[in-house]
């Protein structure tokens, strides 16, 4: 239900706030890149000193000065992304929190912490410990007596930067998909948007991974996007079954316009669910377990009525009389009519075809015509 602390804000204001977050993050990214560009040389020398190359460390070579320049800017961009992510994550969390339930807010906090703390730690540990161990292992495997070793410093850096870039892309894809899921942009009937996001980040990986990963780019991109999709899909289920509904105006014969929602409430398991695809398109079909008992579901229904402009709510199961008085008062204040199908008192409700006919009949009685 709407709390006294809630503030009604137009949608445009939310988009302006999101645009401000993106703009500020972009500006900080450019500034951080310039700052890090001045310190990349010392960081590169420091990392080379960590490599267990022994006498071969004096035989490091750079075969192309342009590759070295590319490495410097790649490192600067990578470090700047990791630098601004805490700021961007904090702003995103503050932006999304007012519209989230407590469990959704906790989930978003966990995802952002993993993205801004755990992944940078993995990258740092990999550069300091794992990659030197990999170089040491490759030395022991490729050792030939009487044959000297020379190492391409560019290839060593490209190998490390490529691994870091994979982790960063997973981080960015996870955060983007998570926010999209919270906004209801990748619900069951909107999988195309989710696939587009995965293709964008996967294609970015394929195009930007260094040549040292040649032959593995497609496999790495698929594995990285599957990991990001899996992490973002851990989002708790929506209170009403989904986070967005496709609504249309129902115009009656006398010209009145109705925005209708038919609530599938199981009444603590005492009432059967709606048959599959029984609710016509253009009508919201939220799901509840026990609307009369669960305050979270009551708040979610109130929010749906408020933000989607629902003018009539039909409840499956009871005849709407058991609804709490405060919920009835809230619906009345929002100008939303409500009634129930009364399935609990009808023995025919066990028949699926009868339930489908009941839903169709309630829709036709409400509008008297088709969708506008």
Protein backbone atom coordinates (compact mmCIF):
# COMPACT_ATOMS: atom_id res chain seq x y z
CA UNK A 1 0.00 0.00 0.00
CA UNK A 2 1.05 3.58 -0.43
CA UNK A 3 2.94 4.81 2.60
CA UNK A 4 2.99 8.35 3.93
CA UNK A 5 6.72 8.47 3.16
CA UNK A 6 6.14 7.62 -0.51
CA UNK A 7 6.44 10.44 -3.01
CA UNK A 8 4.64 10.39 -6.33
CA UNK A 9 7.03 11.37 -9.13
CA UNK A 10 6.40 11.54 -12.89
CA UNK A 11 8.07 8.94 -15.09
CA UNK A 12 10.04 11.63 -16.92
CA UNK A 13 11.73 12.59 -13.67
CA UNK A 14 12.93 9.00 -13.20
CA UNK A 15 14.36 8.93 -16.72
CA UNK A 16 16.12 12.24 -16.11
CA UNK A 17 17.65 10.84 -12.93
CA UNK A 18 18.85 7.73 -14.80
CA UNK A 19 20.25 9.94 -17.57
CA UNK A 20 22.12 11.94 -14.92
CA UNK A 21 23.69 8.76 -13.55
CA UNK A 22 24.85 7.69 -17.02
CA UNK A 23 26.19 11.16 -17.82
CA UNK A 24 28.09 11.48 -14.54
CA UNK A 25 29.54 7.98 -14.92
CA UNK A 26 30.69 8.74 -18.46
CA UNK A 27 32.41 11.96 -17.39
CA UNK A 28 34.13 10.18 -14.51
CA UNK A 29 35.20 7.39 -16.86
CA UNK A 30 36.92 9.86 -19.20
CA UNK A 31 38.63 11.68 -16.33
CA UNK A 32 39.73 8.43 -14.68
CA UNK A 33 41.13 7.15 -17.98
CA UNK A 34 43.26 10.28 -18.38
CA UNK A 35 44.54 10.01 -14.79
CA UNK A 36 45.36 6.31 -15.07
CA UNK A 37 47.12 6.86 -18.40
CA UNK A 38 49.91 8.66 -16.54
CA UNK A 39 50.49 5.74 -14.17
CA UNK A 40 50.28 2.75 -16.50
CA UNK A 41 54.03 2.68 -17.27
CA UNK A 42 55.01 2.22 -13.63
CA UNK A 43 52.29 -0.40 -13.10
CA UNK A 44 53.46 -2.33 -16.17
CA UNK A 45 57.07 -2.36 -14.99
CA UNK A 46 55.97 -3.39 -11.50
CA UNK A 47 54.01 -6.34 -12.90
CA UNK A 48 56.88 -7.45 -15.11
CA UNK A 49 59.09 -7.58 -12.03
CA UNK A 50 56.62 -10.03 -10.47
CA UNK A 51 56.94 -12.51 -13.31
CA UNK A 52 59.29 -15.45 -12.51
CA UNK A 53 61.30 -15.13 -15.72
CA UNK A 54 64.75 -15.35 -14.10
CA UNK A 55 67.54 -14.51 -16.50
CA UNK A 56 65.03 -14.36 -19.33
CA UNK A 57 63.58 -11.20 -17.84
CA UNK A 58 66.38 -9.32 -19.58
CA UNK A 59 65.20 -10.74 -22.91
CA UNK A 60 61.74 -9.20 -22.98
CA UNK A 61 60.96 -7.72 -26.37
CA UNK A 62 58.41 -5.39 -27.88
CA UNK A 63 57.98 -6.05 -31.56
CA UNK A 64 55.63 -3.19 -32.28
CA UNK A 65 55.61 0.21 -30.53
CA UNK A 66 51.96 0.68 -31.51
CA UNK A 67 51.02 -2.47 -29.59
CA UNK A 68 52.70 -1.02 -26.51
CA UNK A 69 50.65 2.18 -26.91
CA UNK A 70 47.48 0.09 -27.25
CA UNK A 71 48.34 -1.76 -24.03
CA UNK A 72 48.81 1.47 -22.11
CA UNK A 73 45.38 2.79 -23.08
CA UNK A 74 43.72 -0.61 -22.62
CA UNK A 75 45.04 -0.75 -19.08
CA UNK A 76 43.95 2.82 -18.43
CA UNK A 77 40.39 2.12 -19.64
CA UNK A 78 40.22 -1.13 -17.68
CA UNK A 79 41.40 0.51 -14.46
CA UNK A 80 39.07 3.47 -14.93
CA UNK A 81 36.03 1.15 -15.30
CA UNK A 82 36.97 -0.62 -12.07
CA UNK A 83 37.49 2.76 -10.40
CA UNK A 84 34.09 4.26 -11.22
CA UNK A 85 32.05 1.08 -10.71
CA UNK A 86 31.57 1.67 -6.95
CA UNK A 87 30.21 5.15 -7.69
CA UNK A 88 27.94 3.92 -10.48
CA UNK A 89 26.73 0.98 -8.37
CA UNK A 90 25.93 3.26 -5.44
CA UNK A 91 23.95 5.61 -7.67
CA UNK A 92 22.08 2.73 -9.32
CA UNK A 93 21.23 1.24 -5.94
CA UNK A 94 19.92 4.55 -4.64
CA UNK A 95 17.96 5.05 -7.86
CA UNK A 96 16.26 1.61 -7.77
CA UNK A 97 15.82 1.05 -4.02
CA UNK A 98 12.63 3.11 -3.48
CA UNK A 99 10.70 0.89 -5.91
CA UNK A 100 11.98 -2.47 -4.64
CA UNK A 101 10.74 -4.89 -2.04
CA UNK A 102 13.15 -5.71 0.83
CA UNK A 103 14.23 -9.05 -0.66
CA UNK A 104 14.73 -7.45 -4.09
CA UNK A 105 16.76 -4.66 -2.50
CA UNK A 106 18.95 -7.22 -0.71
CA UNK A 107 19.43 -9.13 -3.95
CA UNK A 108 20.45 -6.01 -5.87
CA UNK A 109 22.89 -5.10 -3.09
CA UNK A 110 24.47 -8.55 -3.35
CA UNK A 111 24.79 -8.36 -7.14
CA UNK A 112 26.38 -4.90 -7.00
CA UNK A 113 28.78 -6.00 -4.25
CA UNK A 114 29.85 -8.99 -6.33
CA UNK A 115 30.37 -6.72 -9.34
CA UNK A 116 32.24 -3.92 -7.59
CA UNK A 117 34.19 -5.81 -4.92
CA UNK A 118 34.55 -9.50 -5.76
CA UNK A 119 35.35 -9.18 -9.47
CA UNK A 120 38.04 -6.47 -8.98
CA UNK A 121 39.58 -8.65 -6.24
CA UNK A 122 39.64 -11.62 -8.64
CA UNK A 123 41.34 -9.45 -11.27
CA UNK A 124 43.97 -8.19 -8.80
CA UNK A 125 44.68 -11.69 -7.46
CA UNK A 126 44.98 -13.00 -11.00
CA UNK A 127 47.53 -10.34 -11.98
CA UNK A 128 49.58 -10.69 -8.79
CA UNK A 129 49.49 -14.45 -8.22
CA UNK A 130 47.74 -16.59 -10.83
CA UNK A 131 49.26 -15.18 -14.03
CA UNK A 132 52.86 -15.33 -12.68
CA UNK A 133 52.16 -18.97 -11.73
CA UNK A 134 50.91 -19.59 -15.26
CA UNK A 135 54.09 -18.11 -16.73
CA UNK A 136 56.20 -20.23 -14.39
CA UNK A 137 54.30 -23.39 -15.36
CA UNK A 138 54.65 -22.64 -19.07
CA UNK A 139 58.40 -22.13 -18.60
CA UNK A 140 58.85 -25.54 -17.02
CA UNK A 141 56.82 -27.22 -19.77
CA UNK A 142 58.56 -25.48 -22.67
CA UNK A 143 62.11 -25.72 -21.36
CA UNK A 144 64.67 -27.09 -23.83
CA UNK A 145 68.29 -27.50 -22.82
CA UNK A 146 70.65 -25.31 -24.82
CA UNK A 147 67.82 -23.21 -26.24
CA UNK A 148 67.45 -19.63 -25.06
CA UNK A 149 64.11 -18.02 -24.29
CA UNK A 150 62.82 -14.65 -25.39
CA UNK A 151 59.45 -13.31 -24.34
CA UNK A 152 57.15 -10.89 -26.09
CA UNK A 153 56.12 -8.41 -23.39
CA UNK A 154 53.17 -7.31 -25.51
CA UNK A 155 51.79 -10.87 -25.64
CA UNK A 156 52.13 -11.24 -21.87
CA UNK A 157 50.21 -8.04 -21.24
CA UNK A 158 47.56 -8.84 -23.86
CA UNK A 159 46.97 -12.24 -22.25
CA UNK A 160 46.45 -10.61 -18.85
CA UNK A 161 44.36 -7.72 -20.13
CA UNK A 162 42.18 -10.14 -22.09
CA UNK A 163 41.37 -12.11 -18.95
CA UNK A 164 40.58 -8.92 -17.06
CA UNK A 165 38.38 -7.68 -19.89
CA UNK A 166 36.39 -10.94 -19.79
CA UNK A 167 35.68 -10.39 -16.10
CA UNK A 168 34.70 -6.76 -16.70
CA UNK A 169 32.29 -7.72 -19.49
CA UNK A 170 30.71 -10.33 -17.24
CA UNK A 171 30.36 -7.66 -14.55
CA UNK A 172 28.77 -5.10 -16.89
CA UNK A 173 26.45 -7.66 -18.49
CA UNK A 174 25.33 -8.93 -15.08
CA UNK A 175 24.53 -5.45 -13.74
CA UNK A 176 22.72 -4.45 -16.96
CA UNK A 177 20.64 -7.63 -17.07
CA UNK A 178 19.85 -7.34 -13.36
CA UNK A 179 18.53 -3.81 -13.71
CA UNK A 180 16.57 -4.85 -16.82
CA UNK A 181 14.97 -7.73 -14.90
CA UNK A 182 14.04 -5.42 -12.03
CA UNK A 183 12.36 -3.05 -14.49
CA UNK A 184 10.41 -5.91 -16.06
CA UNK A 185 12.13 -5.51 -19.44
CA UNK A 186 12.99 -9.20 -19.77
CA UNK A 187 9.79 -10.86 -18.62
CA UNK A 188 8.58 -14.08 -20.18
CA UNK A 189 7.19 -12.39 -23.30
CA UNK A 190 10.15 -10.02 -23.66
CA UNK A 191 13.01 -12.45 -24.17
CA UNK A 192 14.11 -10.59 -27.30
CA UNK A 193 15.45 -7.71 -25.22
CA UNK A 194 17.42 -10.13 -23.03
CA UNK A 195 18.86 -11.87 -26.09
CA UNK A 196 19.85 -8.51 -27.57
CA UNK A 197 21.73 -7.54 -24.42
CA UNK A 198 23.56 -10.87 -24.37
CA UNK A 199 24.44 -10.54 -28.06
CA UNK A 200 25.72 -6.98 -27.55
CA UNK A 201 28.07 -7.88 -24.70
CA UNK A 202 29.02 -11.22 -26.28
CA UNK A 203 29.78 -9.53 -29.60
CA UNK A 204 31.81 -6.89 -27.77
CA UNK A 205 33.92 -9.64 -26.24
CA UNK A 206 34.46 -11.38 -29.56
CA UNK A 207 35.52 -8.14 -31.26
CA UNK A 208 37.78 -6.81 -28.51
CA UNK A 209 39.59 -9.86 -27.14
CA UNK A 210 43.30 -9.81 -28.08
CA UNK A 211 44.67 -12.04 -30.81
CA UNK A 212 46.22 -14.25 -28.11
CA UNK A 213 42.69 -15.64 -27.59
CA UNK A 214 42.24 -16.48 -31.26
CA UNK A 215 40.19 -19.64 -31.64
CA UNK A 216 38.68 -19.30 -28.17
CA UNK A 217 36.78 -16.04 -28.61
CA UNK A 218 33.40 -17.55 -29.43
CA UNK A 219 33.65 -20.14 -26.66
CA UNK A 220 34.73 -17.52 -24.11
CA UNK A 221 31.94 -15.12 -25.16
CA UNK A 222 29.26 -17.82 -24.87
CA UNK A 223 30.54 -18.99 -21.46
CA UNK A 224 30.80 -15.40 -20.15
CA UNK A 225 27.27 -14.47 -21.25
CA UNK A 226 25.83 -17.69 -19.82
CA UNK A 227 27.46 -16.82 -16.49
CA UNK A 228 26.08 -13.27 -16.57
CA UNK A 229 22.60 -14.49 -17.50
CA UNK A 230 22.69 -17.10 -14.74
CA UNK A 231 23.74 -14.57 -12.09
CA UNK A 232 21.04 -12.08 -13.10
CA UNK A 233 18.36 -14.81 -13.21
CA UNK A 234 18.75 -15.38 -9.44
CA UNK A 235 16.43 -12.38 -8.96
CA UNK A 236 13.62 -13.31 -6.51
CA UNK A 237 10.27 -14.01 -8.15
CA UNK A 238 7.99 -11.02 -8.57
CA UNK A 239 5.23 -10.70 -5.99
CA UNK A 240 2.54 -10.65 -8.67
CA UNK A 241 4.18 -13.27 -10.89
CA UNK A 242 5.79 -10.70 -13.19
CA UNK A 243 7.02 -7.13 -13.08
CA UNK A 244 5.25 -5.60 -16.07
CA UNK A 245 1.90 -6.09 -17.75
CA UNK A 246 0.68 -5.21 -21.23
CA UNK A 247 -2.47 -3.14 -20.77
CA UNK A 248 -4.93 -1.73 -23.28
CA UNK A 249 -7.99 0.49 -22.93
CA UNK A 250 -11.29 -1.40 -23.02
CA UNK A 251 -14.02 0.75 -24.56
CA UNK A 252 -17.64 -0.11 -23.80
CA UNK A 253 -20.63 0.54 -26.04
CA UNK A 254 -21.43 3.79 -24.23
CA UNK A 255 -17.86 5.05 -24.78
CA UNK A 256 -16.51 4.62 -21.25
CA UNK A 257 -12.89 3.47 -20.97
CA UNK A 258 -11.79 0.77 -18.53
CA UNK A 259 -8.34 -0.53 -17.65
CA UNK A 260 -8.95 -4.00 -16.27
CA UNK A 261 -6.95 -6.39 -14.10
CA UNK A 262 -8.07 -9.94 -13.27
CA UNK A 263 -6.29 -11.20 -10.17
CA UNK A 264 -5.45 -14.91 -10.00
CA UNK A 265 -5.62 -15.52 -6.23
CA UNK A 266 -5.34 -19.10 -4.97
CA UNK A 267 -6.74 -18.20 -1.52
CA UNK A 268 -4.05 -20.20 0.30
CA UNK A 269 -4.54 -23.12 -2.11
CA UNK A 270 -8.30 -23.34 -1.57
CA UNK A 271 -9.11 -21.99 -5.04
CA UNK A 272 -7.89 -23.38 -8.41
CA UNK A 273 -5.65 -21.24 -10.59
CA UNK A 274 -6.63 -19.58 -13.85
CA UNK A 275 -6.41 -21.85 -16.91
CA UNK A 276 -3.44 -21.16 -19.18
CA UNK A 277 -4.00 -18.31 -21.69
CA UNK A 278 -7.53 -17.74 -20.39
CA UNK A 279 -7.09 -14.00 -19.80
CA UNK A 280 -7.44 -11.95 -23.02
CA UNK A 281 -4.55 -9.77 -24.16
CA UNK A 282 -4.56 -6.19 -22.96
CA UNK A 283 -5.78 -7.20 -19.50
CA UNK A 284 -3.37 -7.45 -16.56
CA UNK A 285 -3.31 -10.89 -14.94
CA UNK A 286 -1.33 -10.70 -11.67
CA UNK A 287 -1.05 -13.76 -9.40
CA UNK A 288 -1.38 -13.90 -5.62
CA UNK A 289 -1.27 -16.61 -2.99
CA UNK A 290 -3.51 -14.98 -0.39
CA UNK A 291 -4.35 -11.34 -1.03
CA UNK A 292 -6.37 -11.04 2.17
CA UNK A 293 -3.46 -12.20 4.36
CA UNK A 294 -0.25 -11.13 2.66
CA UNK A 295 0.55 -7.44 3.15
CA UNK A 296 3.30 -7.61 0.52
CA UNK A 297 0.81 -8.76 -2.10
CA UNK A 298 -1.61 -6.05 -1.01
CA UNK A 299 1.10 -3.42 -1.47
CA UNK A 300 2.01 -4.84 -4.89
CA UNK A 301 -1.62 -4.79 -6.06
CA UNK A 302 -2.01 -1.21 -4.82
CA UNK A 303 1.13 -0.19 -6.69
CA UNK A 304 -0.14 -1.89 -9.86
CA UNK A 305 -3.46 -0.04 -9.63
CA UNK A 306 -1.72 3.27 -8.93
CA UNK A 307 0.96 3.18 -11.62
CA UNK A 308 -0.95 1.34 -14.37
CA UNK A 309 -4.17 3.30 -13.96
CA UNK A 310 -6.32 0.23 -13.26
CA UNK A 311 -9.98 1.28 -13.00
CA UNK A 312 -11.47 -2.14 -12.25
CA UNK A 313 -10.06 -5.13 -10.37
CA UNK A 314 -11.69 -8.56 -10.58
CA UNK A 315 -10.51 -11.11 -8.03
CA UNK A 316 -10.57 -14.81 -8.77
CA UNK A 317 -11.52 -16.98 -5.82
CA UNK A 318 -13.58 -14.99 -3.32
CA UNK A 319 -16.32 -12.44 -3.99
CA UNK A 320 -14.02 -9.61 -2.67
CA UNK A 321 -15.88 -9.24 0.66
CA UNK A 322 -13.00 -10.77 2.74
CA UNK A 323 -10.59 -8.07 1.56
CA UNK A 324 -9.09 -6.04 4.45
CA UNK A 325 -10.84 -2.75 5.04
CA UNK A 326 -7.65 -0.73 4.61
CA UNK A 327 -7.11 -2.30 1.17
CA UNK A 328 -10.69 -1.53 0.17
CA UNK A 329 -10.23 2.06 1.34
CA UNK A 330 -7.04 2.39 -0.66
CA UNK A 331 -8.66 1.04 -3.84
CA UNK A 332 -11.61 3.39 -3.33
CA UNK A 333 -9.27 6.36 -2.93
CA UNK A 334 -7.57 5.41 -6.20
CA UNK A 335 -10.89 5.24 -8.03
CA UNK A 336 -10.65 1.51 -8.67
CA UNK A 337 -13.79 -0.64 -8.61
CA UNK A 338 -13.39 -4.19 -7.34
CA UNK A 339 -15.42 -7.37 -7.19
CA UNK A 340 -14.83 -11.12 -7.18
CA UNK A 341 -15.73 -14.16 -9.25
CA UNK A 342 -16.85 -16.13 -6.20
CA UNK A 343 -15.29 -19.42 -7.27
CA UNK A 344 -14.85 -20.58 -3.67
CA UNK A 345 -18.65 -20.89 -3.28
CA UNK A 346 -19.30 -22.54 -6.64
CA UNK A 347 -18.82 -26.32 -7.03
CA UNK A 348 -18.34 -25.91 -10.79
CA UNK A 349 -14.99 -24.14 -10.22
CA UNK A 350 -13.21 -27.50 -10.46
CA UNK A 351 -14.04 -27.55 -14.18
CA UNK A 352 -11.34 -25.78 -16.19
CA UNK A 353 -13.63 -24.95 -19.09
CA UNK A 354 -16.14 -23.42 -16.68
CA UNK A 355 -13.41 -21.23 -15.14
CA UNK A 356 -12.36 -20.06 -18.60
CA UNK A 357 -15.96 -19.18 -19.47
CA UNK A 358 -16.28 -17.33 -16.15
CA UNK A 359 -13.25 -15.16 -16.96
CA UNK A 360 -14.52 -14.40 -20.48
CA UNK A 361 -17.98 -13.59 -19.15
CA UNK A 362 -16.61 -11.21 -16.50
CA UNK A 363 -14.56 -9.42 -19.16
CA UNK A 364 -17.51 -8.99 -21.52
CA UNK A 365 -19.74 -7.76 -18.69
CA UNK A 366 -17.13 -5.16 -17.79
CA UNK A 367 -16.65 -3.67 -21.26
CA UNK A 368 -19.41 -4.94 -23.53
CA UNK A 369 -16.96 -4.69 -26.45
CA UNK A 370 -13.52 -5.61 -27.69
CA UNK A 371 -10.21 -3.94 -26.98
CA UNK A 372 -9.67 -0.45 -28.32
